[in-house]
Amino acid sequence: MPKEKSRAWQKLDVSILHTLIIEKYLGICGELRARADHITYTREEEGALELVDRGEYQLVFFLNPTLIEEVTMVAGQGEKMPQKSTFFYPKVITGLVINQLKN
């Protein structure tokens, strides 16, 4: 794990997946990962399993949801969360579109 990152960041499921598995063992890092040519993210477990079963994808990883406490700990260290670790719903922009603004 990157030595410059806090222990809180290093312990995140998504940090372990990205750093140790996707980057180190699968060799998908930097621009390759940013282009998303080799990786697809989804929240649908059954859909992901079906894609692997049909041979369209080679493998799937399931992660625990990121806890608010984990986000708070990482942010408290002045760090950003890893990519795709903060998929919260509804998004702030959604609230602005759905709810009327009050004066």
PDB file of N, CA and C in Angstrom:
ATOM      1  N   MET A   1       0.850  -1.183   0.000  1.00  0.00           N
ATOM      2  CA  MET A   1       0.000   0.000   0.000  1.00  0.00           C
ATOM      3  C   MET A   1       0.894   1.243   0.000  1.00  0.00           C
ATOM      4  N   PRO A   2       0.430   2.314  -0.618  1.00  0.00           N
ATOM      5  CA  PRO A   2       1.237   3.536  -0.671  1.00  0.00           C
ATOM      6  C   PRO A   2       1.575   4.050   0.730  1.00  0.00           C
ATOM      7  N   LYS A   3       2.849   4.215   0.992  1.00  0.00           N
ATOM      8  CA  LYS A   3       3.312   4.652   2.315  1.00  0.00           C
ATOM      9  C   LYS A   3       2.836   6.061   2.656  1.00  0.00           C
ATOM     10  N   GLU A   4       2.604   6.886   1.615  1.00  0.00           N
ATOM     11  CA  GLU A   4       2.209   8.273   1.864  1.00  0.00           C
ATOM     12  C   GLU A   4       0.740   8.407   2.263  1.00  0.00           C
ATOM     13  N   LYS A   5      -0.016   7.333   2.148  1.00  0.00           N
ATOM     14  CA  LYS A   5      -1.440   7.348   2.498  1.00  0.00           C
ATOM     15  C   LYS A   5      -1.627   6.977   3.970  1.00  0.00           C
ATOM     16  N   SER A   6      -2.673   7.532   4.573  1.00  0.00           N
ATOM     17  CA  SER A   6      -2.968   7.254   5.978  1.00  0.00           C
ATOM     18  C   SER A   6      -3.406   5.798   6.158  1.00  0.00           C
ATOM     19  N   ARG A   7      -3.358   5.343   7.370  1.00  0.00           N
ATOM     20  CA  ARG A   7      -3.808   3.985   7.690  1.00  0.00           C
ATOM     21  C   ARG A   7      -5.294   3.844   7.367  1.00  0.00           C
ATOM     22  N   ALA A   8      -6.060   4.910   7.602  1.00  0.00           N
ATOM     23  CA  ALA A   8      -7.496   4.886   7.304  1.00  0.00           C
ATOM     24  C   ALA A   8      -7.719   4.638   5.813  1.00  0.00           C
ATOM     25  N   TRP A   9      -6.960   5.298   4.951  1.00  0.00           N
ATOM     26  CA  TRP A   9      -7.078   5.126   3.499  1.00  0.00           C
ATOM     27  C   TRP A   9      -6.643   3.714   3.101  1.00  0.00           C
ATOM     28  N   GLN A  10      -5.549   3.251   3.683  1.00  0.00           N
ATOM     29  CA  GLN A  10      -5.004   1.939   3.345  1.00  0.00           C
ATOM     30  C   GLN A  10      -5.938   0.797   3.713  1.00  0.00           C
ATOM     31  N   LYS A  11      -6.785   0.990   4.728  1.00  0.00           N
ATOM     32  CA  LYS A  11      -7.685  -0.065   5.199  1.00  0.00           C
ATOM     33  C   LYS A  11      -8.992  -0.145   4.419  1.00  0.00           C
ATOM     34  N   LEU A  12      -9.276   0.820   3.566  1.00  0.00           N
ATOM     35  CA  LEU A  12     -10.518   0.797   2.798  1.00  0.00           C
ATOM     36  C   LEU A  12     -10.531  -0.399   1.846  1.00  0.00           C
ATOM     37  N   ASP A  13     -11.674  -1.069   1.750  1.00  0.00           N
ATOM     38  CA  ASP A  13     -11.807  -2.189   0.813  1.00  0.00           C
ATOM     39  C   ASP A  13     -11.424  -1.769  -0.603  1.00  0.00           C
ATOM     40  N   VAL A  14     -11.904  -0.607  -1.009  1.00  0.00           N
ATOM     41  CA  VAL A  14     -11.661  -0.133  -2.373  1.00  0.00           C
ATOM     42  C   VAL A  14     -10.187   0.197  -2.596  1.00  0.00           C
ATOM     43  N   SER A  15      -9.495   0.676  -1.580  1.00  0.00           N
ATOM     44  CA  SER A  15      -8.054   0.940  -1.702  1.00  0.00           C
ATOM     45  C   SER A  15      -7.289  -0.358  -1.904  1.00  0.00           C
ATOM     46  N   ILE A  16      -7.654  -1.366  -1.145  1.00  0.00           N
ATOM     47  CA  ILE A  16      -7.000  -2.675  -1.262  1.00  0.00           C
ATOM     48  C   ILE A  16      -7.261  -3.260  -2.648  1.00  0.00           C
ATOM     49  N   LEU A  17      -8.519  -3.198  -3.094  1.00  0.00           N
ATOM     50  CA  LEU A  17      -8.849  -3.718  -4.424  1.00  0.00           C
ATOM     51  C   LEU A  17      -8.061  -2.999  -5.510  1.00  0.00           C
ATOM     52  N   HIS A  18      -8.106  -1.669  -5.514  1.00  0.00           N
ATOM     53  CA  HIS A  18      -7.438  -0.904  -6.571  1.00  0.00           C
ATOM     54  C   HIS A  18      -5.926  -1.060  -6.534  1.00  0.00           C
ATOM     55  N   THR A  19      -5.335  -0.929  -5.341  1.00  0.00           N
ATOM     56  CA  THR A  19      -3.877  -0.909  -5.227  1.00  0.00           C
ATOM     57  C   THR A  19      -3.251  -2.296  -5.369  1.00  0.00           C
ATOM     58  N   LEU A  20      -3.745  -3.235  -4.611  1.00  0.00           N
ATOM     59  CA  LEU A  20      -3.096  -4.548  -4.585  1.00  0.00           C
ATOM     60  C   LEU A  20      -3.567  -5.488  -5.691  1.00  0.00           C
ATOM     61  N   ILE A  21      -4.842  -5.462  -5.997  1.00  0.00           N
ATOM     62  CA  ILE A  21      -5.347  -6.419  -6.974  1.00  0.00           C
ATOM     63  C   ILE A  21      -5.346  -5.846  -8.389  1.00  0.00           C
ATOM     64  N   ILE A  22      -6.056  -4.736  -8.597  1.00  0.00           N
ATOM     65  CA  ILE A  22      -6.183  -4.190  -9.951  1.00  0.00           C
ATOM     66  C   ILE A  22      -4.852  -3.663 -10.482  1.00  0.00           C
ATOM     67  N   GLU A  23      -4.130  -2.903  -9.659  1.00  0.00           N
ATOM     68  CA  GLU A  23      -2.859  -2.336 -10.135  1.00  0.00           C
ATOM     69  C   GLU A  23      -1.719  -3.346 -10.082  1.00  0.00           C
ATOM     70  N   LYS A  24      -1.456  -3.899  -8.891  1.00  0.00           N
ATOM     71  CA  LYS A  24      -0.272  -4.749  -8.718  1.00  0.00           C
ATOM     72  C   LYS A  24      -0.386  -6.093  -9.440  1.00  0.00           C
ATOM     73  N   TYR A  25      -1.498  -6.796  -9.253  1.00  0.00           N
ATOM     74  CA  TYR A  25      -1.593  -8.146  -9.803  1.00  0.00           C
ATOM     75  C   TYR A  25      -2.173  -8.217 -11.210  1.00  0.00           C
ATOM     76  N   LEU A  26      -3.114  -7.318 -11.525  1.00  0.00           N
ATOM     77  CA  LEU A  26      -3.699  -7.331 -12.866  1.00  0.00           C
ATOM     78  C   LEU A  26      -3.006  -6.363 -13.823  1.00  0.00           C
ATOM     79  N   GLY A  27      -2.197  -5.447 -13.275  1.00  0.00           N
ATOM     80  CA  GLY A  27      -1.433  -4.521 -14.111  1.00  0.00           C
ATOM     81  C   GLY A  27      -2.265  -3.442 -14.772  1.00  0.00           C
ATOM     82  N   ILE A  28      -3.452  -3.175 -14.239  1.00  0.00           N
ATOM     83  CA  ILE A  28      -4.315  -2.127 -14.794  1.00  0.00           C
ATOM     84  C   ILE A  28      -4.157  -0.892 -13.911  1.00  0.00           C
ATOM     85  N   CYS A  29      -3.353   0.050 -14.374  1.00  0.00           N
ATOM     86  CA  CYS A  29      -3.098   1.224 -13.554  1.00  0.00           C
ATOM     87  C   CYS A  29      -3.040   2.485 -14.408  1.00  0.00           C
ATOM     88  N   GLY A  30      -2.968   3.597 -13.719  1.00  0.00           N
ATOM     89  CA  GLY A  30      -2.829   4.885 -14.383  1.00  0.00           C
ATOM     90  C   GLY A  30      -3.852   5.141 -15.456  1.00  0.00           C
ATOM     91  N   GLU A  31      -3.348   5.400 -16.665  1.00  0.00           N
ATOM     92  CA  GLU A  31      -4.214   5.766 -17.784  1.00  0.00           C
ATOM     93  C   GLU A  31      -5.144   4.623 -18.186  1.00  0.00           C
ATOM     94  N   LEU A  32      -4.656   3.395 -18.109  1.00  0.00           N
ATOM     95  CA  LEU A  32      -5.508   2.245 -18.447  1.00  0.00           C
ATOM     96  C   LEU A  32      -6.766   2.222 -17.585  1.00  0.00           C
ATOM     97  N   ARG A  33      -6.573   2.439 -16.283  1.00  0.00           N
ATOM     98  CA  ARG A  33      -7.715   2.440 -15.375  1.00  0.00           C
ATOM     99  C   ARG A  33      -8.594   3.662 -15.605  1.00  0.00           C
ATOM    100  N   ALA A  34      -7.991   4.807 -15.854  1.00  0.00           N
ATOM    101  CA  ALA A  34      -8.748   6.041 -16.091  1.00  0.00           C
ATOM    102  C   ALA A  34      -9.623   5.934 -17.340  1.00  0.00           C
ATOM    103  N   ARG A  35      -9.112   5.274 -18.379  1.00  0.00           N
ATOM    104  CA  ARG A  35      -9.885   5.110 -19.622  1.00  0.00           C
ATOM    105  C   ARG A  35     -11.025   4.121 -19.455  1.00  0.00           C
ATOM    106  N   ALA A  36     -10.947   3.289 -18.439  1.00  0.00           N
ATOM    107  CA  ALA A  36     -11.967   2.283 -18.145  1.00  0.00           C
ATOM    108  C   ALA A  36     -12.179   1.308 -19.302  1.00  0.00           C
ATOM    109  N   ASP A  37     -11.127   1.038 -20.074  1.00  0.00           N
ATOM    110  CA  ASP A  37     -11.218   0.043 -21.144  1.00  0.00           C
ATOM    111  C   ASP A  37     -11.302  -1.374 -20.589  1.00  0.00           C
ATOM    112  N   HIS A  38     -10.715  -1.588 -19.421  1.00  0.00           N
ATOM    113  CA  HIS A  38     -10.614  -2.926 -18.855  1.00  0.00           C
ATOM    114  C   HIS A  38     -11.482  -3.133 -17.625  1.00  0.00           C
ATOM    115  N   ILE A  39     -12.125  -2.063 -17.148  1.00  0.00           N
ATOM    116  CA  ILE A  39     -12.884  -2.136 -15.901  1.00  0.00           C
ATOM    117  C   ILE A  39     -14.251  -1.483 -16.100  1.00  0.00           C
ATOM    118  N   THR A  40     -15.262  -2.129 -15.559  1.00  0.00           N
ATOM    119  CA  THR A  40     -16.599  -1.564 -15.536  1.00  0.00           C
ATOM    120  C   THR A  40     -17.097  -1.613 -14.102  1.00  0.00           C
ATOM    121  N   TYR A  41     -17.751  -0.558 -13.666  1.00  0.00           N
ATOM    122  CA  TYR A  41     -18.304  -0.502 -12.323  1.00  0.00           C
ATOM    123  C   TYR A  41     -19.819  -0.589 -12.402  1.00  0.00           C
ATOM    124  N   THR A  42     -20.404  -1.332 -11.484  1.00  0.00           N
ATOM    125  CA  THR A  42     -21.856  -1.434 -11.414  1.00  0.00           C
ATOM    126  C   THR A  42     -22.276  -1.649  -9.971  1.00  0.00           C
ATOM    127  N   ARG A  43     -23.515  -1.336  -9.691  1.00  0.00           N
ATOM    128  CA  ARG A  43     -24.083  -1.599  -8.364  1.00  0.00           C
ATOM    129  C   ARG A  43     -24.995  -2.811  -8.407  1.00  0.00           C
ATOM    130  N   GLU A  44     -25.139  -3.420  -9.545  1.00  0.00           N
ATOM    131  CA  GLU A  44     -26.068  -4.534  -9.723  1.00  0.00           C
ATOM    132  C   GLU A  44     -25.334  -5.878  -9.615  1.00  0.00           C
ATOM    133  N   GLU A  45     -25.497  -6.554  -8.500  1.00  0.00           N
ATOM    134  CA  GLU A  45     -24.802  -7.814  -8.266  1.00  0.00           C
ATOM    135  C   GLU A  45     -25.195  -8.893  -9.277  1.00  0.00           C
ATOM    136  N   GLU A  46     -26.488  -9.086  -9.453  1.00  0.00           N
ATOM    137  CA  GLU A  46     -26.943 -10.145 -10.353  1.00  0.00           C
ATOM    138  C   GLU A  46     -26.507  -9.897 -11.795  1.00  0.00           C
ATOM    139  N   GLY A  47     -26.594  -8.639 -12.225  1.00  0.00           N
ATOM    140  CA  GLY A  47     -26.160  -8.296 -13.579  1.00  0.00           C
ATOM    141  C   GLY A  47     -24.686  -8.572 -13.776  1.00  0.00           C
ATOM    142  N   ALA A  48     -23.886  -8.266 -12.774  1.00  0.00           N
ATOM    143  CA  ALA A  48     -22.443  -8.518 -12.859  1.00  0.00           C
ATOM    144  C   ALA A  48     -22.163 -10.014 -12.961  1.00  0.00           C
ATOM    145  N   LEU A  49     -22.846 -10.799 -12.145  1.00  0.00           N
ATOM    146  CA  LEU A  49     -22.649 -12.253 -12.182  1.00  0.00           C
ATOM    147  C   LEU A  49     -23.084 -12.837 -13.521  1.00  0.00           C
ATOM    148  N   GLU A  50     -24.173 -12.330 -14.074  1.00  0.00           N
ATOM    149  CA  GLU A  50     -24.637 -12.812 -15.376  1.00  0.00           C
ATOM    150  C   GLU A  50     -23.611 -12.525 -16.472  1.00  0.00           C
ATOM    151  N   LEU A  51     -22.986 -11.347 -16.431  1.00  0.00           N
ATOM    152  CA  LEU A  51     -21.980 -11.000 -17.433  1.00  0.00           C
ATOM    153  C   LEU A  51     -20.772 -11.929 -17.355  1.00  0.00           C
ATOM    154  N   VAL A  52     -20.385 -12.314 -16.148  1.00  0.00           N
ATOM    155  CA  VAL A  52     -19.279 -13.263 -15.986  1.00  0.00           C
ATOM    156  C   VAL A  52     -19.717 -14.646 -16.461  1.00  0.00           C
ATOM    157  N   ASP A  53     -20.917 -15.055 -16.076  1.00  0.00           N
ATOM    158  CA  ASP A  53     -21.415 -16.372 -16.494  1.00  0.00           C
ATOM    159  C   ASP A  53     -21.502 -16.501 -18.010  1.00  0.00           C
ATOM    160  N   ARG A  54     -21.857 -15.408 -18.698  1.00  0.00           N
ATOM    161  CA  ARG A  54     -21.956 -15.425 -20.160  1.00  0.00           C
ATOM    162  C   ARG A  54     -20.599 -15.276 -20.833  1.00  0.00           C
ATOM    163  N   GLY A  55     -19.548 -15.020 -20.058  1.00  0.00           N
ATOM    164  CA  GLY A  55     -18.218 -14.879 -20.619  1.00  0.00           C
ATOM    165  C   GLY A  55     -17.908 -13.502 -21.166  1.00  0.00           C
ATOM    166  N   GLU A  56     -18.791 -12.528 -20.938  1.00  0.00           N
ATOM    167  CA  GLU A  56     -18.532 -11.166 -21.401  1.00  0.00           C
ATOM    168  C   GLU A  56     -17.498 -10.468 -20.527  1.00  0.00           C
ATOM    169  N   TYR A  57     -17.445 -10.835 -19.260  1.00  0.00           N
ATOM    170  CA  TYR A  57     -16.441 -10.325 -18.323  1.00  0.00           C
ATOM    171  C   TYR A  57     -15.699 -11.509 -17.728  1.00  0.00           C
ATOM    172  N   GLN A  58     -14.457 -11.278 -17.330  1.00  0.00           N
ATOM    173  CA  GLN A  58     -13.649 -12.367 -16.795  1.00  0.00           C
ATOM    174  C   GLN A  58     -13.868 -12.588 -15.302  1.00  0.00           C
ATOM    175  N   LEU A  59     -14.104 -11.527 -14.578  1.00  0.00           N
ATOM    176  CA  LEU A  59     -14.264 -11.666 -13.136  1.00  0.00           C
ATOM    177  C   LEU A  59     -15.058 -10.501 -12.577  1.00  0.00           C
ATOM    178  N   VAL A  60     -15.476 -10.668 -11.330  1.00  0.00           N
ATOM    179  CA  VAL A  60     -16.234  -9.623 -10.649  1.00  0.00           C
ATOM    180  C   VAL A  60     -15.760  -9.561  -9.203  1.00  0.00           C
ATOM    181  N   PHE A  61     -15.728  -8.360  -8.648  1.00  0.00           N
ATOM    182  CA  PHE A  61     -15.397  -8.165  -7.240  1.00  0.00           C
ATOM    183  C   PHE A  61     -16.584  -7.495  -6.565  1.00  0.00           C
ATOM    184  N   PHE A  62     -16.901  -7.946  -5.364  1.00  0.00           N
ATOM    185  CA  PHE A  62     -17.951  -7.325  -4.565  1.00  0.00           C
ATOM    186  C   PHE A  62     -17.298  -6.683  -3.352  1.00  0.00           C
ATOM    187  N   LEU A  63     -17.659  -5.449  -3.096  1.00  0.00           N
ATOM    188  CA  LEU A  63     -17.083  -4.709  -1.976  1.00  0.00           C
ATOM    189  C   LEU A  63     -18.148  -4.351  -0.955  1.00  0.00           C
ATOM    190  N   ASN A  64     -17.711  -4.223   0.287  1.00  0.00           N
ATOM    191  CA  ASN A  64     -18.602  -3.701   1.314  1.00  0.00           C
ATOM    192  C   ASN A  64     -18.858  -2.229   1.031  1.00  0.00           C
ATOM    193  N   PRO A  65     -20.030  -1.727   1.387  1.00  0.00           N
ATOM    194  CA  PRO A  65     -20.278  -0.295   1.200  1.00  0.00           C
ATOM    195  C   PRO A  65     -19.325   0.519   2.073  1.00  0.00           C
ATOM    196  N   THR A  66     -18.914   1.656   1.575  1.00  0.00           N
ATOM    197  CA  THR A  66     -18.059   2.554   2.342  1.00  0.00           C
ATOM    198  C   THR A  66     -18.889   3.166   3.467  1.00  0.00           C
ATOM    199  N   LEU A  67     -18.371   3.118   4.666  1.00  0.00           N
ATOM    200  CA  LEU A  67     -19.069   3.675   5.821  1.00  0.00           C
ATOM    201  C   LEU A  67     -18.789   5.171   5.955  1.00  0.00           C
ATOM    202  N   ILE A  68     -19.742   5.896   6.476  1.00  0.00           N
ATOM    203  CA  ILE A  68     -19.562   7.336   6.712  1.00  0.00           C
ATOM    204  C   ILE A  68     -18.345   7.560   7.605  1.00  0.00           C
ATOM    205  N   GLU A  69     -18.159   6.687   8.592  1.00  0.00           N
ATOM    206  CA  GLU A  69     -17.013   6.818   9.498  1.00  0.00           C
ATOM    207  C   GLU A  69     -15.684   6.705   8.746  1.00  0.00           C
ATOM    208  N   GLU A  70     -15.659   5.846   7.732  1.00  0.00           N
ATOM    209  CA  GLU A  70     -14.440   5.692   6.934  1.00  0.00           C
ATOM    210  C   GLU A  70     -14.167   6.957   6.125  1.00  0.00           C
ATOM    211  N   VAL A  71     -15.210   7.515   5.525  1.00  0.00           N
ATOM    212  CA  VAL A  71     -15.055   8.765   4.770  1.00  0.00           C
ATOM    213  C   VAL A  71     -14.562   9.862   5.699  1.00  0.00           C
ATOM    214  N   THR A  72     -15.141   9.951   6.882  1.00  0.00           N
ATOM    215  CA  THR A  72     -14.756  10.968   7.860  1.00  0.00           C
ATOM    216  C   THR A  72     -13.300  10.817   8.278  1.00  0.00           C
ATOM    217  N   MET A  73     -12.873   9.573   8.500  1.00  0.00           N
ATOM    218  CA  MET A  73     -11.486   9.337   8.920  1.00  0.00           C
ATOM    219  C   MET A  73     -10.496   9.727   7.821  1.00  0.00           C
ATOM    220  N   VAL A  74     -10.801   9.352   6.587  1.00  0.00           N
ATOM    221  CA  VAL A  74      -9.910   9.682   5.473  1.00  0.00           C
ATOM    222  C   VAL A  74      -9.885  11.196   5.255  1.00  0.00           C
ATOM    223  N   ALA A  75     -11.047  11.819   5.256  1.00  0.00           N
ATOM    224  CA  ALA A  75     -11.123  13.275   5.080  1.00  0.00           C
ATOM    225  C   ALA A  75     -10.413  13.996   6.219  1.00  0.00           C
ATOM    226  N   GLY A  76     -10.500  13.437   7.419  1.00  0.00           N
ATOM    227  CA  GLY A  76      -9.812  14.027   8.572  1.00  0.00           C
ATOM    228  C   GLY A  76      -8.305  14.029   8.422  1.00  0.00           C
ATOM    229  N   GLN A  77      -7.790  13.152   7.579  1.00  0.00           N
ATOM    230  CA  GLN A  77      -6.352  13.103   7.291  1.00  0.00           C
ATOM    231  C   GLN A  77      -5.980  14.015   6.122  1.00  0.00           C
ATOM    232  N   GLY A  78      -7.001  14.723   5.582  1.00  0.00           N
ATOM    233  CA  GLY A  78      -6.753  15.628   4.454  1.00  0.00           C
ATOM    234  C   GLY A  78      -6.609  14.906   3.123  1.00  0.00           C
ATOM    235  N   GLU A  79      -7.120  13.678   3.033  1.00  0.00           N
ATOM    236  CA  GLU A  79      -6.988  12.889   1.813  1.00  0.00           C
ATOM    237  C   GLU A  79      -8.311  12.792   1.073  1.00  0.00           C
ATOM    238  N   LYS A  80      -8.209  12.477  -0.207  1.00  0.00           N
ATOM    239  CA  LYS A  80      -9.388  12.207  -1.023  1.00  0.00           C
ATOM    240  C   LYS A  80      -9.658  10.712  -0.982  1.00  0.00           C
ATOM    241  N   MET A  81     -10.915  10.378  -1.131  1.00  0.00           N
ATOM    242  CA  MET A  81     -11.298   8.969  -1.197  1.00  0.00           C
ATOM    243  C   MET A  81     -10.883   8.401  -2.559  1.00  0.00           C
ATOM    244  N   PRO A  82     -10.616   7.097  -2.622  1.00  0.00           N
ATOM    245  CA  PRO A  82     -10.279   6.472  -3.907  1.00  0.00           C
ATOM    246  C   PRO A  82     -11.449   6.538  -4.885  1.00  0.00           C
ATOM    247  N   GLN A  83     -11.115   6.400  -6.152  1.00  0.00           N
ATOM    248  CA  GLN A  83     -12.109   6.398  -7.225  1.00  0.00           C
ATOM    249  C   GLN A  83     -13.203   5.369  -6.935  1.00  0.00           C
ATOM    250  N   LYS A  84     -14.449   5.756  -7.191  1.00  0.00           N
ATOM    251  CA  LYS A  84     -15.633   4.898  -7.081  1.00  0.00           C
ATOM    252  C   LYS A  84     -15.948   4.444  -5.657  1.00  0.00           C
ATOM    253  N   SER A  85     -15.378   5.089  -4.652  1.00  0.00           N
ATOM    254  CA  SER A  85     -15.642   4.666  -3.275  1.00  0.00           C
ATOM    255  C   SER A  85     -16.758   5.450  -2.616  1.00  0.00           C
ATOM    256  N   THR A  86     -17.211   6.495  -3.254  1.00  0.00           N
ATOM    257  CA  THR A  86     -18.239   7.336  -2.633  1.00  0.00           C
ATOM    258  C   THR A  86     -19.458   7.471  -3.524  1.00  0.00           C
ATOM    259  N   PHE A  87     -20.012   6.359  -3.933  1.00  0.00           N
ATOM    260  CA  PHE A  87     -21.220   6.375  -4.747  1.00  0.00           C
ATOM    261  C   PHE A  87     -22.409   6.450  -3.811  1.00  0.00           C
ATOM    262  N   PHE A  88     -22.766   7.666  -3.424  1.00  0.00           N
ATOM    263  CA  PHE A  88     -23.894   7.883  -2.537  1.00  0.00           C
ATOM    264  C   PHE A  88     -25.080   8.379  -3.344  1.00  0.00           C
ATOM    265  N   TYR A  89     -26.273   8.018  -2.899  1.00  0.00           N
ATOM    266  CA  TYR A  89     -27.467   8.452  -3.581  1.00  0.00           C
ATOM    267  C   TYR A  89     -28.478   8.911  -2.542  1.00  0.00           C
ATOM    268  N   PRO A  90     -29.196   9.994  -2.751  1.00  0.00           N
ATOM    269  CA  PRO A  90     -29.152  10.838  -3.946  1.00  0.00           C
ATOM    270  C   PRO A  90     -27.975  11.807  -3.889  1.00  0.00           C
ATOM    271  N   LYS A  91     -27.516  12.208  -5.047  1.00  0.00           N
ATOM    272  CA  LYS A  91     -26.440  13.190  -5.156  1.00  0.00           C
ATOM    273  C   LYS A  91     -26.993  14.580  -4.846  1.00  0.00           C
ATOM    274  N   VAL A  92     -26.134  15.473  -4.420  1.00  0.00           N
ATOM    275  CA  VAL A  92     -26.546  16.832  -4.102  1.00  0.00           C
ATOM    276  C   VAL A  92     -27.243  17.477  -5.298  1.00  0.00           C
ATOM    277  N   ILE A  93     -26.695  17.315  -6.483  1.00  0.00           N
ATOM    278  CA  ILE A  93     -27.283  17.928  -7.670  1.00  0.00           C
ATOM    279  C   ILE A  93     -28.695  17.390  -7.916  1.00  0.00           C
ATOM    280  N   THR A  94     -28.924  16.117  -7.582  1.00  0.00           N
ATOM    281  CA  THR A  94     -30.262  15.541  -7.727  1.00  0.00           C
ATOM    282  C   THR A  94     -31.251  16.282  -6.842  1.00  0.00           C
ATOM    283  N   GLY A  95     -30.846  16.555  -5.625  1.00  0.00           N
ATOM    284  CA  GLY A  95     -31.700  17.289  -4.699  1.00  0.00           C
ATOM    285  C   GLY A  95     -32.029  18.679  -5.206  1.00  0.00           C
ATOM    286  N   LEU A  96     -31.081  19.317  -5.866  1.00  0.00           N
ATOM    287  CA  LEU A  96     -31.330  20.647  -6.399  1.00  0.00           C
ATOM    288  C   LEU A  96     -32.323  20.619  -7.553  1.00  0.00           C
ATOM    289  N   VAL A  97     -32.305  19.557  -8.330  1.00  0.00           N
ATOM    290  CA  VAL A  97     -33.219  19.443  -9.457  1.00  0.00           C
ATOM    291  C   VAL A  97     -34.617  19.043  -8.996  1.00  0.00           C
ATOM    292  N   ILE A  98     -34.687  18.115  -8.045  1.00  0.00           N
ATOM    293  CA  ILE A  98     -35.977  17.601  -7.600  1.00  0.00           C
ATOM    294  C   ILE A  98     -36.682  18.566  -6.648  1.00  0.00           C
ATOM    295  N   ASN A  99     -35.955  19.181  -5.750  1.00  0.00           N
ATOM    296  CA  ASN A  99     -36.552  20.057  -4.737  1.00  0.00           C
ATOM    297  C   ASN A  99     -36.484  21.511  -5.163  1.00  0.00           C
ATOM    298  N   GLN A 100     -37.533  22.224  -4.873  1.00  0.00           N
ATOM    299  CA  GLN A 100     -37.540  23.658  -5.177  1.00  0.00           C
ATOM    300  C   GLN A 100     -36.622  24.391  -4.217  1.00  0.00           C
ATOM    301  N   LEU A 101     -35.938  25.378  -4.735  1.00  0.00           N
ATOM    302  CA  LEU A 101     -35.099  26.231  -3.892  1.00  0.00           C
ATOM    303  C   LEU A 101     -35.983  27.235  -3.180  1.00  0.00           C
ATOM    304  N   LYS A 102     -35.742  27.428  -1.888  1.00  0.00           N
ATOM    305  CA  LYS A 102     -36.534  28.388  -1.105  1.00  0.00           C
ATOM    306  C   LYS A 102     -35.703  29.612  -0.822  1.00  0.00           C
ATOM    307  N   ASN A 103     -36.342  30.755  -0.821  1.00  0.00           N
ATOM    308  CA  ASN A 103     -35.638  32.020  -0.533  1.00  0.00           C
ATOM    309  C   ASN A 103     -35.352  32.150   0.932  1.00  0.00           C
TER     310      ASN A 103
END
